[in-house]
Amino acid sequence: MAQRPKVYRTELTPVSFLTRNAYVFPDSVAVAHGDRRYSYRQLAERVNRLASALRGAGLGAHDRVAFLCPNIPAMLEAHFGVPAAR
């Protein structure tokens, strides 16, 4: 029986997905909202700033965070930024 080639998989969390895409596709459009466009690099930078601010405010590993806003880029930033802060 012929051997199958080995397949290496890496499970992607939302944060690792963004990190990978910012590395592989830094200038590709990640977010389009109205007339605004953010590349993966720009989105990752914004997410990292939010994560840093949350850590600076004392967010802990098991703290809960609520984020209420309409379907705008800030919601996506929170989707990635809150887990990135932990």
Protein backbone atom coordinates (compact mmCIF):
# COMPACT_ATOMS: atom_id res chain seq x y z
CA MET A 1 0.00 0.00 0.00
CA ALA A 2 1.34 3.42 -0.99
CA GLN A 3 2.11 5.78 1.84
CA ARG A 4 0.25 9.03 1.98
CA PRO A 5 2.31 12.19 2.24
CA LYS A 6 2.46 13.63 5.73
CA VAL A 7 0.12 16.51 6.33
CA TYR A 8 1.12 19.07 8.90
CA ARG A 9 -1.75 20.97 10.38
CA THR A 10 -1.78 23.89 12.68
CA GLU A 11 -5.02 24.82 14.34
CA LEU A 12 -5.68 28.52 13.89
CA THR A 13 -7.25 30.51 16.67
CA PRO A 14 -8.74 33.85 15.66
CA VAL A 15 -5.60 35.61 16.92
CA SER A 16 -3.18 33.25 15.14
CA PHE A 17 -5.29 33.56 11.97
CA LEU A 18 -4.85 37.33 12.02
CA THR A 19 -1.14 37.08 12.86
CA ARG A 20 -0.57 34.65 10.00
CA ASN A 21 -2.52 36.72 7.49
CA ALA A 22 -0.73 39.91 8.55
CA TYR A 23 2.54 38.09 7.81
CA VAL A 24 1.51 36.32 4.58
CA PHE A 25 -0.84 38.94 3.12
CA PRO A 26 0.16 42.22 4.83
CA ASP A 27 -1.17 44.54 2.12
CA SER A 28 -4.32 42.59 1.23
CA VAL A 29 -7.65 44.07 2.27
CA ALA A 30 -8.84 42.55 5.53
CA VAL A 31 -11.71 44.92 6.28
CA ALA A 32 -13.91 46.97 3.98
CA HIS A 33 -16.45 49.25 5.62
CA GLY A 34 -18.04 51.99 3.56
CA ASP A 35 -15.20 53.87 1.91
CA ARG A 36 -12.61 52.68 4.45
CA ARG A 37 -10.24 49.80 3.79
CA TYR A 38 -7.82 48.20 6.26
CA SER A 39 -5.06 45.82 5.23
CA TYR A 40 -4.20 42.82 7.38
CA ARG A 41 -1.15 44.73 8.58
CA GLN A 42 -3.27 47.73 9.60
CA LEU A 43 -5.87 45.54 11.28
CA ALA A 44 -3.18 43.66 13.22
CA GLU A 45 -1.66 46.97 14.36
CA ARG A 46 -5.03 48.23 15.56
CA VAL A 47 -5.75 44.94 17.33
CA ASN A 48 -2.35 44.99 19.02
CA ARG A 49 -2.95 48.55 20.26
CA LEU A 50 -6.30 47.52 21.72
CA ALA A 51 -4.79 44.41 23.34
CA SER A 52 -2.01 46.51 24.83
CA ALA A 53 -4.50 49.04 26.21
CA LEU A 54 -6.60 46.27 27.75
CA ARG A 55 -3.54 44.72 29.41
CA GLY A 56 -2.53 48.18 30.63
CA ALA A 57 -5.99 48.60 32.15
CA GLY A 58 -5.42 45.39 34.11
CA LEU A 59 -7.35 42.83 32.05
CA GLY A 60 -6.61 39.39 33.47
CA ALA A 61 -6.69 35.95 31.92
CA HIS A 62 -10.12 35.06 33.30
CA ASP A 63 -11.76 38.48 33.22
CA ARG A 64 -14.89 38.95 31.17
CA VAL A 65 -15.20 41.68 28.58
CA ALA A 66 -18.40 43.02 27.03
CA PHE A 67 -18.21 44.98 23.83
CA LEU A 68 -21.39 46.41 22.34
CA CYS A 69 -21.30 48.21 19.03
CA PRO A 70 -22.80 47.98 15.58
CA ASN A 71 -21.20 45.90 12.85
CA ILE A 72 -18.25 48.24 12.30
CA PRO A 73 -14.46 47.69 12.20
CA ALA A 74 -14.20 48.31 15.97
CA MET A 75 -16.25 45.16 16.58
CA LEU A 76 -13.80 43.10 14.55
CA GLU A 77 -10.89 44.71 16.39
CA ALA A 78 -12.48 43.69 19.69
CA HIS A 79 -13.09 40.15 18.37
CA PHE A 80 -9.33 39.79 17.93
CA GLY A 81 -8.07 42.26 20.54
CA VAL A 82 -9.73 40.85 23.65
CA PRO A 83 -8.27 37.33 23.31
CA ALA A 84 -4.93 38.81 22.18
CA ALA A 85 -4.76 40.74 25.46
CA ARG A 86 -4.82 37.58 27.56
